[in-house]
């Protein structure tokens, strides 16, 4: 099963969200067929969650990653992973993350995600 990158990213987000909220093993959430990109991405993000959360917390200023809502936290984890991997251009990673936040949370969540990812992106440029 091959989905568009956008649809696969959304699937990876849902898997990560369910994993984060339920505490169930990620593999137990694969119902039916999950495309390879979504599976690989979700597993890679889950494997690096502590590192990703530290970076999100550092860029969040007033918020720790665990205080963010599960939607925002997992969108940020996914986008930060994509930025690190260089699998999509910076603008695409941020735009997709903001779109997901607005769609599944609120406009305010979209602004929060945009701000945090902007800081993470600037830190990468300096490094």
PDB file of N, CA and C in Angstrom:
ATOM      1  N   UNK A   1       0.845  -1.171   0.000  1.00  0.00           N
ATOM      2  CA  UNK A   1       0.000   0.000   0.000  1.00  0.00           C
ATOM      3  C   UNK A   1       0.895   1.240   0.000  1.00  0.00           C
ATOM      4  N   UNK A   2       0.724   2.108  -0.982  1.00  0.00           N
ATOM      5  CA  UNK A   2       1.519   3.319  -1.070  1.00  0.00           C
ATOM      6  C   UNK A   2       0.604   4.530  -0.977  1.00  0.00           C
ATOM      7  N   UNK A   3       0.895   5.380  -0.026  1.00  0.00           N
ATOM      8  CA  UNK A   3       0.126   6.604   0.167  1.00  0.00           C
ATOM      9  C   UNK A   3       1.006   7.793  -0.184  1.00  0.00           C
ATOM     10  N   UNK A   4       0.391   8.949  -0.332  1.00  0.00           N
ATOM     11  CA  UNK A   4       1.180  10.159  -0.524  1.00  0.00           C
ATOM     12  C   UNK A   4       1.978  10.416   0.752  1.00  0.00           C
ATOM     13  N   UNK A   5       3.021  11.183   0.630  1.00  0.00           N
ATOM     14  CA  UNK A   5       3.851  11.514   1.793  1.00  0.00           C
ATOM     15  C   UNK A   5       3.000  12.202   2.864  1.00  0.00           C
ATOM     16  N   UNK A   6       2.090  13.064   2.446  1.00  0.00           N
ATOM     17  CA  UNK A   6       1.223  13.778   3.395  1.00  0.00           C
ATOM     18  C   UNK A   6       0.333  12.783   4.148  1.00  0.00           C
ATOM     19  N   UNK A   7      -0.280  11.847   3.439  1.00  0.00           N
ATOM     20  CA  UNK A   7      -1.148  10.860   4.078  1.00  0.00           C
ATOM     21  C   UNK A   7      -0.332   9.945   4.996  1.00  0.00           C
ATOM     22  N   UNK A   8       0.861   9.581   4.576  1.00  0.00           N
ATOM     23  CA  UNK A   8       1.726   8.733   5.406  1.00  0.00           C
ATOM     24  C   UNK A   8       2.146   9.468   6.674  1.00  0.00           C
ATOM     25  N   UNK A   9       2.448  10.748   6.543  1.00  0.00           N
ATOM     26  CA  UNK A   9       2.822  11.553   7.704  1.00  0.00           C
ATOM     27  C   UNK A   9       1.655  11.611   8.694  1.00  0.00           C
ATOM     28  N   UNK A  10       0.454  11.780   8.177  1.00  0.00           N
ATOM     29  CA  UNK A  10      -0.735  11.824   9.034  1.00  0.00           C
ATOM     30  C   UNK A  10      -0.924  10.469   9.746  1.00  0.00           C
ATOM     31  N   UNK A  11      -0.700   9.380   9.033  1.00  0.00           N
ATOM     32  CA  UNK A  11      -0.792   8.048   9.643  1.00  0.00           C
ATOM     33  C   UNK A  11       0.253   7.898  10.743  1.00  0.00           C
ATOM     34  N   UNK A  12       1.486   8.323  10.473  1.00  0.00           N
ATOM     35  CA  UNK A  12       2.546   8.257  11.484  1.00  0.00           C
ATOM     36  C   UNK A  12       2.154   9.085  12.709  1.00  0.00           C
ATOM     37  N   UNK A  13       1.585  10.262  12.489  1.00  0.00           N
ATOM     38  CA  UNK A  13       1.139  11.102  13.600  1.00  0.00           C
ATOM     39  C   UNK A  13       0.084  10.376  14.438  1.00  0.00           C
ATOM     40  N   UNK A  14      -0.920   9.776  13.786  1.00  0.00           N
ATOM     41  CA  UNK A  14      -1.966   9.069  14.526  1.00  0.00           C
ATOM     42  C   UNK A  14      -1.397   7.902  15.329  1.00  0.00           C
ATOM     43  N   UNK A  15      -0.465   7.170  14.739  1.00  0.00           N
ATOM     44  CA  UNK A  15       0.163   6.067  15.458  1.00  0.00           C
ATOM     45  C   UNK A  15       0.911   6.579  16.687  1.00  0.00           C
ATOM     46  N   UNK A  16       1.676   7.649  16.513  1.00  0.00           N
ATOM     47  CA  UNK A  16       2.428   8.218  17.631  1.00  0.00           C
ATOM     48  C   UNK A  16       1.496   8.766  18.708  1.00  0.00           C
ATOM     49  N   UNK A  17       0.424   9.419  18.283  1.00  0.00           N
ATOM     50  CA  UNK A  17      -0.546   9.966  19.229  1.00  0.00           C
ATOM     51  C   UNK A  17      -1.153   8.840  20.068  1.00  0.00           C
ATOM     52  N   UNK A  18      -1.610   7.770  19.407  1.00  0.00           N
ATOM     53  CA  UNK A  18      -2.213   6.649  20.126  1.00  0.00           C
ATOM     54  C   UNK A  18      -1.203   5.994  21.061  1.00  0.00           C
ATOM     55  N   UNK A  19       0.018   5.838  20.583  1.00  0.00           N
ATOM     56  CA  UNK A  19       1.085   5.252  21.395  1.00  0.00           C
ATOM     57  C   UNK A  19       1.338   6.102  22.640  1.00  0.00           C
ATOM     58  N   UNK A  20       1.399   7.410  22.461  1.00  0.00           N
ATOM     59  CA  UNK A  20       1.681   8.342  23.544  1.00  0.00           C
ATOM     60  C   UNK A  20       0.544   8.353  24.567  1.00  0.00           C
ATOM     61  N   UNK A  21      -0.688   8.385  24.098  1.00  0.00           N
ATOM     62  CA  UNK A  21      -1.849   8.502  24.987  1.00  0.00           C
ATOM     63  C   UNK A  21      -2.161   7.186  25.697  1.00  0.00           C
ATOM     64  N   UNK A  22      -2.041   6.062  24.976  1.00  0.00           N
ATOM     65  CA  UNK A  22      -2.448   4.779  25.562  1.00  0.00           C
ATOM     66  C   UNK A  22      -1.318   4.047  26.270  1.00  0.00           C
ATOM     67  N   UNK A  23      -0.075   4.329  25.893  1.00  0.00           N
ATOM     68  CA  UNK A  23       1.048   3.606  26.468  1.00  0.00           C
ATOM     69  C   UNK A  23       1.204   2.200  25.913  1.00  0.00           C
ATOM     70  N   UNK A  24       0.409   1.846  24.912  1.00  0.00           N
ATOM     71  CA  UNK A  24       0.508   0.525  24.284  1.00  0.00           C
ATOM     72  C   UNK A  24       1.745   0.473  23.386  1.00  0.00           C
ATOM     73  N   UNK A  25       2.283  -0.714  23.192  1.00  0.00           N
ATOM     74  CA  UNK A  25       3.401  -0.843  22.254  1.00  0.00           C
ATOM     75  C   UNK A  25       2.986  -0.352  20.864  1.00  0.00           C
ATOM     76  N   UNK A  26       3.870   0.341  20.220  1.00  0.00           N
ATOM     77  CA  UNK A  26       3.564   0.921  18.911  1.00  0.00           C
ATOM     78  C   UNK A  26       3.096  -0.145  17.921  1.00  0.00           C
ATOM     79  N   UNK A  27       3.776  -1.271  17.884  1.00  0.00           N
ATOM     80  CA  UNK A  27       3.422  -2.318  16.920  1.00  0.00           C
ATOM     81  C   UNK A  27       1.994  -2.831  17.124  1.00  0.00           C
ATOM     82  N   UNK A  28       1.474  -2.745  18.352  1.00  0.00           N
ATOM     83  CA  UNK A  28       0.114  -3.219  18.601  1.00  0.00           C
ATOM     84  C   UNK A  28      -0.935  -2.297  17.991  1.00  0.00           C
ATOM     85  N   UNK A  29      -0.532  -1.128  17.553  1.00  0.00           N
ATOM     86  CA  UNK A  29      -1.470  -0.151  16.986  1.00  0.00           C
ATOM     87  C   UNK A  29      -1.582  -0.253  15.474  1.00  0.00           C
ATOM     88  N   UNK A  30      -0.794  -1.125  14.862  1.00  0.00           N
ATOM     89  CA  UNK A  30      -0.836  -1.290  13.408  1.00  0.00           C
ATOM     90  C   UNK A  30      -2.033  -2.156  13.042  1.00  0.00           C
ATOM     91  N   UNK A  31      -3.156  -1.512  12.801  1.00  0.00           N
ATOM     92  CA  UNK A  31      -4.347  -2.250  12.386  1.00  0.00           C
ATOM     93  C   UNK A  31      -4.408  -2.240  10.870  1.00  0.00           C
ATOM     94  N   UNK A  32      -4.659  -3.389  10.295  1.00  0.00           N
ATOM     95  CA  UNK A  32      -4.686  -3.454   8.839  1.00  0.00           C
ATOM     96  C   UNK A  32      -3.295  -3.197   8.296  1.00  0.00           C
ATOM     97  N   UNK A  33      -3.252  -2.665   7.096  1.00  0.00           N
ATOM     98  CA  UNK A  33      -1.966  -2.380   6.479  1.00  0.00           C
ATOM     99  C   UNK A  33      -1.545  -0.947   6.765  1.00  0.00           C
ATOM    100  N   UNK A  34      -0.345  -0.802   7.229  1.00  0.00           N
ATOM    101  CA  UNK A  34       0.241   0.514   7.446  1.00  0.00           C
ATOM    102  C   UNK A  34       1.379   0.632   6.446  1.00  0.00           C
ATOM    103  N   UNK A  35       1.381   1.719   5.666  1.00  0.00           N
ATOM    104  CA  UNK A  35       2.424   1.835   4.646  1.00  0.00           C
ATOM    105  C   UNK A  35       3.799   1.949   5.295  1.00  0.00           C
ATOM    106  N   UNK A  36       4.799   1.562   4.543  1.00  0.00           N
ATOM    107  CA  UNK A  36       6.157   1.445   5.060  1.00  0.00           C
ATOM    108  C   UNK A  36       6.714   2.785   5.562  1.00  0.00           C
ATOM    109  N   UNK A  37       6.429   3.873   4.855  1.00  0.00           N
ATOM    110  CA  UNK A  37       6.936   5.177   5.292  1.00  0.00           C
ATOM    111  C   UNK A  37       6.367   5.544   6.659  1.00  0.00           C
ATOM    112  N   UNK A  38       5.056   5.379   6.841  1.00  0.00           N
ATOM    113  CA  UNK A  38       4.421   5.720   8.115  1.00  0.00           C
ATOM    114  C   UNK A  38       4.968   4.843   9.238  1.00  0.00           C
ATOM    115  N   UNK A  39       5.111   3.563   8.981  1.00  0.00           N
ATOM    116  CA  UNK A  39       5.630   2.628   9.993  1.00  0.00           C
ATOM    117  C   UNK A  39       7.062   2.999  10.373  1.00  0.00           C
ATOM    118  N   UNK A  40       7.907   3.189   9.381  1.00  0.00           N
ATOM    119  CA  UNK A  40       9.309   3.527   9.633  1.00  0.00           C
ATOM    120  C   UNK A  40       9.418   4.848  10.407  1.00  0.00           C
ATOM    121  N   UNK A  41       8.653   5.839   9.979  1.00  0.00           N
ATOM    122  CA  UNK A  41       8.717   7.150  10.626  1.00  0.00           C
ATOM    123  C   UNK A  41       8.246   7.080  12.076  1.00  0.00           C
ATOM    124  N   UNK A  42       7.115   6.428  12.313  1.00  0.00           N
ATOM    125  CA  UNK A  42       6.595   6.317  13.681  1.00  0.00           C
ATOM    126  C   UNK A  42       7.596   5.585  14.579  1.00  0.00           C
ATOM    127  N   UNK A  43       8.169   4.515  14.087  1.00  0.00           N
ATOM    128  CA  UNK A  43       9.133   3.752  14.890  1.00  0.00           C
ATOM    129  C   UNK A  43      10.403   4.555  15.152  1.00  0.00           C
ATOM    130  N   UNK A  44      10.859   5.288  14.161  1.00  0.00           N
ATOM    131  CA  UNK A  44      12.068   6.105  14.331  1.00  0.00           C
ATOM    132  C   UNK A  44      11.834   7.233  15.336  1.00  0.00           C
ATOM    133  N   UNK A  45      10.667   7.867  15.269  1.00  0.00           N
ATOM    134  CA  UNK A  45      10.342   8.931  16.224  1.00  0.00           C
ATOM    135  C   UNK A  45      10.238   8.349  17.631  1.00  0.00           C
ATOM    136  N   UNK A  46       9.539   7.235  17.782  1.00  0.00           N
ATOM    137  CA  UNK A  46       9.376   6.612  19.095  1.00  0.00           C
ATOM    138  C   UNK A  46      10.729   6.231  19.695  1.00  0.00           C
ATOM    139  N   UNK A  47      11.648   5.783  18.870  1.00  0.00           N
ATOM    140  CA  UNK A  47      12.973   5.385  19.346  1.00  0.00           C
ATOM    141  C   UNK A  47      13.785   6.582  19.842  1.00  0.00           C
ATOM    142  N   UNK A  48      13.477   7.770  19.329  1.00  0.00           N
ATOM    143  CA  UNK A  48      14.242   8.983  19.686  1.00  0.00           C
ATOM    144  C   UNK A  48      13.440   9.948  20.544  1.00  0.00           C
ATOM    145  N   UNK A  49      12.347   9.488  21.149  1.00  0.00           N
ATOM    146  CA  UNK A  49      11.412  10.392  21.814  1.00  0.00           C
ATOM    147  C   UNK A  49      12.070  11.237  22.914  1.00  0.00           C
ATOM    148  N   UNK A  50      12.957  10.661  23.703  1.00  0.00           N
ATOM    149  CA  UNK A  50      13.586  11.435  24.779  1.00  0.00           C
ATOM    150  C   UNK A  50      14.428  12.579  24.219  1.00  0.00           C
ATOM    151  N   UNK A  51      15.223  12.282  23.217  1.00  0.00           N
ATOM    152  CA  UNK A  51      16.058  13.311  22.579  1.00  0.00           C
ATOM    153  C   UNK A  51      15.182  14.391  21.938  1.00  0.00           C
ATOM    154  N   UNK A  52      14.155  13.976  21.211  1.00  0.00           N
ATOM    155  CA  UNK A  52      13.263  14.937  20.557  1.00  0.00           C
ATOM    156  C   UNK A  52      12.557  15.802  21.587  1.00  0.00           C
ATOM    157  N   UNK A  53      12.104  15.204  22.685  1.00  0.00           N
ATOM    158  CA  UNK A  53      11.428  15.973  23.736  1.00  0.00           C
ATOM    159  C   UNK A  53      12.361  16.988  24.382  1.00  0.00           C
ATOM    160  N   UNK A  54      13.627  16.629  24.562  1.00  0.00           N
ATOM    161  CA  UNK A  54      14.589  17.597  25.125  1.00  0.00           C
ATOM    162  C   UNK A  54      14.723  18.810  24.209  1.00  0.00           C
ATOM    163  N   UNK A  55      14.798  18.558  22.910  1.00  0.00           N
ATOM    164  CA  UNK A  55      14.940  19.669  21.957  1.00  0.00           C
ATOM    165  C   UNK A  55      13.677  20.512  21.900  1.00  0.00           C
ATOM    166  N   UNK A  56      12.526  19.871  21.942  1.00  0.00           N
ATOM    167  CA  UNK A  56      11.263  20.606  21.938  1.00  0.00           C
ATOM    168  C   UNK A  56      11.155  21.454  23.198  1.00  0.00           C
ATOM    169  N   UNK A  57      11.513  20.880  24.333  1.00  0.00           N
ATOM    170  CA  UNK A  57      11.464  21.620  25.595  1.00  0.00           C
ATOM    171  C   UNK A  57      12.399  22.823  25.550  1.00  0.00           C
ATOM    172  N   UNK A  58      13.603  22.630  25.041  1.00  0.00           N
ATOM    173  CA  UNK A  58      14.571  23.724  24.954  1.00  0.00           C
ATOM    174  C   UNK A  58      14.051  24.858  24.066  1.00  0.00           C
ATOM    175  N   UNK A  59      13.349  24.510  23.001  1.00  0.00           N
ATOM    176  CA  UNK A  59      12.848  25.517  22.068  1.00  0.00           C
ATOM    177  C   UNK A  59      11.505  26.102  22.496  1.00  0.00           C
ATOM    178  N   UNK A  60      10.866  25.488  23.480  1.00  0.00           N
ATOM    179  CA  UNK A  60       9.525  25.909  23.883  1.00  0.00           C
ATOM    180  C   UNK A  60       9.514  27.076  24.861  1.00  0.00           C
ATOM    181  N   UNK A  61      10.647  27.409  25.407  1.00  0.00           N
ATOM    182  CA  UNK A  61      10.791  28.485  26.379  1.00  0.00           C
ATOM    183  C   UNK A  61      10.004  28.195  27.650  1.00  0.00           C
ATOM    184  N   UNK A  62       8.695  28.390  27.660  1.00  0.00           N
ATOM    185  CA  UNK A  62       7.922  28.253  28.887  1.00  0.00           C
ATOM    186  C   UNK A  62       7.286  26.887  29.087  1.00  0.00           C
ATOM    187  N   UNK A  63       7.369  26.008  28.091  1.00  0.00           N
ATOM    188  CA  UNK A  63       6.669  24.729  28.155  1.00  0.00           C
ATOM    189  C   UNK A  63       7.645  23.568  28.070  1.00  0.00           C
ATOM    190  N   UNK A  64       7.425  22.559  28.887  1.00  0.00           N
ATOM    191  CA  UNK A  64       8.172  21.326  28.703  1.00  0.00           C
ATOM    192  C   UNK A  64       7.361  20.456  27.747  1.00  0.00           C
ATOM    193  N   UNK A  65       8.014  19.565  27.056  1.00  0.00           N
ATOM    194  CA  UNK A  65       7.319  18.724  26.079  1.00  0.00           C
ATOM    195  C   UNK A  65       6.173  17.951  26.722  1.00  0.00           C
ATOM    196  N   UNK A  66       6.359  17.521  27.976  1.00  0.00           N
ATOM    197  CA  UNK A  66       5.295  16.750  28.623  1.00  0.00           C
ATOM    198  C   UNK A  66       4.105  17.607  29.046  1.00  0.00           C
ATOM    199  N   UNK A  67       4.248  18.923  29.058  1.00  0.00           N
ATOM    200  CA  UNK A  67       3.122  19.810  29.373  1.00  0.00           C
ATOM    201  C   UNK A  67       2.333  20.202  28.133  1.00  0.00           C
ATOM    202  N   UNK A  68       2.902  19.973  26.960  1.00  0.00           N
ATOM    203  CA  UNK A  68       2.165  20.238  25.726  1.00  0.00           C
ATOM    204  C   UNK A  68       1.073  19.193  25.577  1.00  0.00           C
ATOM    205  N   UNK A  69       0.035  19.528  24.852  1.00  0.00           N
ATOM    206  CA  UNK A  69      -0.990  18.543  24.563  1.00  0.00           C
ATOM    207  C   UNK A  69      -0.413  17.424  23.715  1.00  0.00           C
ATOM    208  N   UNK A  70      -1.033  16.253  23.779  1.00  0.00           N
ATOM    209  CA  UNK A  70      -0.529  15.093  23.033  1.00  0.00           C
ATOM    210  C   UNK A  70      -0.506  15.352  21.528  1.00  0.00           C
ATOM    211  N   UNK A  71      -1.475  16.122  21.016  1.00  0.00           N
ATOM    212  CA  UNK A  71      -1.486  16.440  19.583  1.00  0.00           C
ATOM    213  C   UNK A  71      -0.252  17.259  19.235  1.00  0.00           C
ATOM    214  N   UNK A  72      -0.063  18.366  19.942  1.00  0.00           N
ATOM    215  CA  UNK A  72       1.066  19.244  19.647  1.00  0.00           C
ATOM    216  C   UNK A  72       2.402  18.534  19.853  1.00  0.00           C
ATOM    217  N   UNK A  73       2.511  17.803  20.948  1.00  0.00           N
ATOM    218  CA  UNK A  73       3.768  17.118  21.267  1.00  0.00           C
ATOM    219  C   UNK A  73       4.168  16.142  20.155  1.00  0.00           C
ATOM    220  N   UNK A  74       3.228  15.361  19.669  1.00  0.00           N
ATOM    221  CA  UNK A  74       3.563  14.364  18.656  1.00  0.00           C
ATOM    222  C   UNK A  74       3.764  14.973  17.279  1.00  0.00           C
ATOM    223  N   UNK A  75       3.066  16.055  16.990  1.00  0.00           N
ATOM    224  CA  UNK A  75       3.329  16.782  15.744  1.00  0.00           C
ATOM    225  C   UNK A  75       4.740  17.352  15.783  1.00  0.00           C
ATOM    226  N   UNK A  76       5.122  17.926  16.909  1.00  0.00           N
ATOM    227  CA  UNK A  76       6.465  18.484  17.044  1.00  0.00           C
ATOM    228  C   UNK A  76       7.532  17.399  16.974  1.00  0.00           C
ATOM    229  N   UNK A  77       7.276  16.269  17.587  1.00  0.00           N
ATOM    230  CA  UNK A  77       8.232  15.160  17.511  1.00  0.00           C
ATOM    231  C   UNK A  77       8.441  14.746  16.054  1.00  0.00           C
ATOM    232  N   UNK A  78       7.349  14.575  15.350  1.00  0.00           N
ATOM    233  CA  UNK A  78       7.404  14.145  13.953  1.00  0.00           C
ATOM    234  C   UNK A  78       8.143  15.169  13.090  1.00  0.00           C
ATOM    235  N   UNK A  79       7.802  16.436  13.238  1.00  0.00           N
ATOM    236  CA  UNK A  79       8.432  17.479  12.419  1.00  0.00           C
ATOM    237  C   UNK A  79       9.913  17.644  12.764  1.00  0.00           C
ATOM    238  N   UNK A  80      10.255  17.567  14.046  1.00  0.00           N
ATOM    239  CA  UNK A  80      11.656  17.688  14.441  1.00  0.00           C
ATOM    240  C   UNK A  80      12.462  16.530  13.870  1.00  0.00           C
ATOM    241  N   UNK A  81      11.885  15.346  13.891  1.00  0.00           N
ATOM    242  CA  UNK A  81      12.544  14.189  13.280  1.00  0.00           C
ATOM    243  C   UNK A  81      12.762  14.442  11.791  1.00  0.00           C
ATOM    244  N   UNK A  82      11.734  14.924  11.104  1.00  0.00           N
ATOM    245  CA  UNK A  82      11.872  15.190   9.664  1.00  0.00           C
ATOM    246  C   UNK A  82      12.930  16.256   9.393  1.00  0.00           C
ATOM    247  N   UNK A  83      13.000  17.272  10.236  1.00  0.00           N
ATOM    248  CA  UNK A  83      14.039  18.297  10.069  1.00  0.00           C
ATOM    249  C   UNK A  83      15.426  17.671  10.226  1.00  0.00           C
ATOM    250  N   UNK A  84      15.576  16.825  11.228  1.00  0.00           N
ATOM    251  CA  UNK A  84      16.874  16.165  11.460  1.00  0.00           C
ATOM    252  C   UNK A  84      17.268  15.277  10.298  1.00  0.00           C
ATOM    253  N   UNK A  85      16.308  14.548   9.775  1.00  0.00           N
ATOM    254  CA  UNK A  85      16.583  13.613   8.689  1.00  0.00           C
ATOM    255  C   UNK A  85      16.813  14.325   7.359  1.00  0.00           C
ATOM    256  N   UNK A  86      16.299  15.536   7.246  1.00  0.00           N
ATOM    257  CA  UNK A  86      16.406  16.256   5.983  1.00  0.00           C
ATOM    258  C   UNK A  86      15.576  15.605   4.888  1.00  0.00           C
ATOM    259  N   UNK A  87      14.544  14.860   5.300  1.00  0.00           N
ATOM    260  CA  UNK A  87      13.729  14.118   4.332  1.00  0.00           C
ATOM    261  C   UNK A  87      12.768  15.014   3.554  1.00  0.00           C
ATOM    262  N   UNK A  88      12.501  16.188   4.099  1.00  0.00           N
ATOM    263  CA  UNK A  88      11.684  17.176   3.398  1.00  0.00           C
ATOM    264  C   UNK A  88      12.305  18.551   3.642  1.00  0.00           C
ATOM    265  N   UNK A  89      12.063  19.502   2.750  1.00  0.00           N
ATOM    266  CA  UNK A  89      12.576  20.848   2.985  1.00  0.00           C
ATOM    267  C   UNK A  89      11.989  21.450   4.263  1.00  0.00           C
ATOM    268  N   UNK A  90      12.749  22.323   4.877  1.00  0.00           N
ATOM    269  CA  UNK A  90      12.345  22.992   6.110  1.00  0.00           C
ATOM    270  C   UNK A  90      10.929  23.548   6.016  1.00  0.00           C
ATOM    271  N   UNK A  91      10.636  24.257   4.941  1.00  0.00           N
ATOM    272  CA  UNK A  91       9.329  24.902   4.793  1.00  0.00           C
ATOM    273  C   UNK A  91       8.203  23.879   4.760  1.00  0.00           C
ATOM    274  N   UNK A  92       8.449  22.742   4.134  1.00  0.00           N
ATOM    275  CA  UNK A  92       7.430  21.684   4.047  1.00  0.00           C
ATOM    276  C   UNK A  92       7.190  21.088   5.428  1.00  0.00           C
ATOM    277  N   UNK A  93       8.264  20.780   6.158  1.00  0.00           N
ATOM    278  CA  UNK A  93       8.121  20.194   7.491  1.00  0.00           C
ATOM    279  C   UNK A  93       7.316  21.110   8.401  1.00  0.00           C
ATOM    280  N   UNK A  94       7.620  22.397   8.377  1.00  0.00           N
ATOM    281  CA  UNK A  94       6.910  23.343   9.237  1.00  0.00           C
ATOM    282  C   UNK A  94       5.472  23.518   8.775  1.00  0.00           C
ATOM    283  N   UNK A  95       5.261  23.685   7.472  1.00  0.00           N
ATOM    284  CA  UNK A  95       3.908  23.868   6.949  1.00  0.00           C
ATOM    285  C   UNK A  95       3.020  22.659   7.254  1.00  0.00           C
ATOM    286  N   UNK A  96       3.536  21.469   7.046  1.00  0.00           N
ATOM    287  CA  UNK A  96       2.752  20.256   7.319  1.00  0.00           C
ATOM    288  C   UNK A  96       2.429  20.145   8.804  1.00  0.00           C
ATOM    289  N   UNK A  97       3.389  20.471   9.655  1.00  0.00           N
ATOM    290  CA  UNK A  97       3.163  20.396  11.099  1.00  0.00           C
ATOM    291  C   UNK A  97       2.101  21.399  11.539  1.00  0.00           C
ATOM    292  N   UNK A  98       2.190  22.609  11.040  1.00  0.00           N
ATOM    293  CA  UNK A  98       1.203  23.644  11.397  1.00  0.00           C
ATOM    294  C   UNK A  98      -0.182  23.241  10.900  1.00  0.00           C
ATOM    295  N   UNK A  99      -0.247  22.705   9.692  1.00  0.00           N
ATOM    296  CA  UNK A  99      -1.526  22.252   9.134  1.00  0.00           C
ATOM    297  C   UNK A  99      -2.136  21.161  10.002  1.00  0.00           C
ATOM    298  N   UNK A 100      -1.331  20.181  10.411  1.00  0.00           N
ATOM    299  CA  UNK A 100      -1.833  19.127  11.289  1.00  0.00           C
ATOM    300  C   UNK A 100      -2.317  19.696  12.622  1.00  0.00           C
ATOM    301  N   UNK A 101      -1.556  20.609  13.204  1.00  0.00           N
ATOM    302  CA  UNK A 101      -1.939  21.192  14.499  1.00  0.00           C
ATOM    303  C   UNK A 101      -3.256  21.939  14.397  1.00  0.00           C
ATOM    304  N   UNK A 102      -3.419  22.710  13.338  1.00  0.00           N
ATOM    305  CA  UNK A 102      -4.671  23.447  13.160  1.00  0.00           C
ATOM    306  C   UNK A 102      -5.838  22.498  12.910  1.00  0.00           C
ATOM    307  N   UNK A 103      -5.579  21.447  12.157  1.00  0.00           N
ATOM    308  CA  UNK A 103      -6.648  20.516  11.804  1.00  0.00           C
ATOM    309  C   UNK A 103      -7.102  19.685  13.003  1.00  0.00           C
ATOM    310  N   UNK A 104      -6.158  19.210  13.809  1.00  0.00           N
ATOM    311  CA  UNK A 104      -6.501  18.299  14.889  1.00  0.00           C
ATOM    312  C   UNK A 104      -6.501  18.935  16.270  1.00  0.00           C
ATOM    313  N   UNK A 105      -6.158  20.210  16.353  1.00  0.00           N
ATOM    314  CA  UNK A 105      -6.209  20.913  17.632  1.00  0.00           C
ATOM    315  C   UNK A 105      -6.872  22.267  17.398  1.00  0.00           C
ATOM    316  N   UNK A 106      -6.091  23.346  17.406  1.00  0.00           N
ATOM    317  CA  UNK A 106      -6.656  24.691  17.276  1.00  0.00           C
ATOM    318  C   UNK A 106      -5.710  25.602  16.496  1.00  0.00           C
ATOM    319  N   UNK A 107      -6.219  26.776  16.144  1.00  0.00           N
ATOM    320  CA  UNK A 107      -5.365  27.799  15.518  1.00  0.00           C
ATOM    321  C   UNK A 107      -4.193  28.136  16.445  1.00  0.00           C
ATOM    322  N   UNK A 108      -4.484  28.236  17.734  1.00  0.00           N
ATOM    323  CA  UNK A 108      -3.440  28.542  18.713  1.00  0.00           C
ATOM    324  C   UNK A 108      -2.368  27.455  18.718  1.00  0.00           C
ATOM    325  N   UNK A 109      -2.782  26.203  18.602  1.00  0.00           N
ATOM    326  CA  UNK A 109      -1.823  25.098  18.530  1.00  0.00           C
ATOM    327  C   UNK A 109      -0.949  25.252  17.291  1.00  0.00           C
ATOM    328  N   UNK A 110      -1.545  25.680  16.192  1.00  0.00           N
ATOM    329  CA  UNK A 110      -0.778  25.905  14.970  1.00  0.00           C
ATOM    330  C   UNK A 110       0.283  26.973  15.167  1.00  0.00           C
ATOM    331  N   UNK A 111      -0.078  28.051  15.859  1.00  0.00           N
ATOM    332  CA  UNK A 111       0.899  29.117  16.125  1.00  0.00           C
ATOM    333  C   UNK A 111       2.013  28.615  17.053  1.00  0.00           C
ATOM    334  N   UNK A 112       1.634  27.844  18.062  1.00  0.00           N
ATOM    335  CA  UNK A 112       2.612  27.294  18.999  1.00  0.00           C
ATOM    336  C   UNK A 112       3.602  26.387  18.268  1.00  0.00           C
ATOM    337  N   UNK A 113       3.090  25.473  17.465  1.00  0.00           N
ATOM    338  CA  UNK A 113       3.931  24.559  16.695  1.00  0.00           C
ATOM    339  C   UNK A 113       4.850  25.342  15.759  1.00  0.00           C
ATOM    340  N   UNK A 114       4.310  26.340  15.079  1.00  0.00           N
ATOM    341  CA  UNK A 114       5.108  27.164  14.172  1.00  0.00           C
ATOM    342  C   UNK A 114       6.253  27.851  14.916  1.00  0.00           C
ATOM    343  N   UNK A 115       5.953  28.427  16.070  1.00  0.00           N
ATOM    344  CA  UNK A 115       6.987  29.126  16.841  1.00  0.00           C
ATOM    345  C   UNK A 115       8.090  28.197  17.316  1.00  0.00           C
ATOM    346  N   UNK A 116       7.716  27.058  17.848  1.00  0.00           N
ATOM    347  CA  UNK A 116       8.702  26.110  18.363  1.00  0.00           C
ATOM    348  C   UNK A 116       9.563  25.556  17.231  1.00  0.00           C
ATOM    349  N   UNK A 117       8.930  25.175  16.129  1.00  0.00           N
ATOM    350  CA  UNK A 117       9.706  24.650  15.000  1.00  0.00           C
ATOM    351  C   UNK A 117      10.607  25.715  14.393  1.00  0.00           C
ATOM    352  N   UNK A 118      10.145  26.955  14.382  1.00  0.00           N
ATOM    353  CA  UNK A 118      10.984  28.048  13.899  1.00  0.00           C
ATOM    354  C   UNK A 118      12.252  28.182  14.722  1.00  0.00           C
ATOM    355  N   UNK A 119      12.113  28.067  16.053  1.00  0.00           N
ATOM    356  CA  UNK A 119      13.290  28.141  16.924  1.00  0.00           C
ATOM    357  C   UNK A 119      14.214  26.940  16.715  1.00  0.00           C
ATOM    358  N   UNK A 120      13.632  25.754  16.560  1.00  0.00           N
ATOM    359  CA  UNK A 120      14.446  24.563  16.308  1.00  0.00           C
ATOM    360  C   UNK A 120      15.199  24.707  14.995  1.00  0.00           C
ATOM    361  N   UNK A 121      14.527  25.233  13.975  1.00  0.00           N
ATOM    362  CA  UNK A 121      15.161  25.424  12.671  1.00  0.00           C
ATOM    363  C   UNK A 121      16.302  26.437  12.765  1.00  0.00           C
ATOM    364  N   UNK A 122      16.095  27.523  13.504  1.00  0.00           N
ATOM    365  CA  UNK A 122      17.161  28.526  13.652  1.00  0.00           C
ATOM    366  C   UNK A 122      18.353  27.952  14.405  1.00  0.00           C
ATOM    367  N   UNK A 123      18.092  27.131  15.418  1.00  0.00           N
ATOM    368  CA  UNK A 123      19.181  26.497  16.157  1.00  0.00           C
ATOM    369  C   UNK A 123      20.000  25.586  15.243  1.00  0.00           C
ATOM    370  N   UNK A 124      19.331  24.900  14.334  1.00  0.00           N
ATOM    371  CA  UNK A 124      20.026  24.024  13.387  1.00  0.00           C
ATOM    372  C   UNK A 124      20.922  24.826  12.466  1.00  0.00           C
ATOM    373  N   UNK A 125      20.449  26.009  12.055  1.00  0.00           N
ATOM    374  CA  UNK A 125      21.248  26.845  11.155  1.00  0.00           C
ATOM    375  C   UNK A 125      22.514  27.330  11.823  1.00  0.00           C
ATOM    376  N   UNK A 126      22.439  27.614  13.112  1.00  0.00           N
ATOM    377  CA  UNK A 126      23.585  28.117  13.878  1.00  0.00           C
ATOM    378  C   UNK A 126      24.597  27.003  14.104  1.00  0.00           C
ATOM    379  N   UNK A 127      24.103  25.797  14.330  1.00  0.00           N
ATOM    380  CA  UNK A 127      24.986  24.653  14.657  1.00  0.00           C
ATOM    381  C   UNK A 127      25.860  24.248  13.492  1.00  0.00           C
TER     382      UNK A 127
END
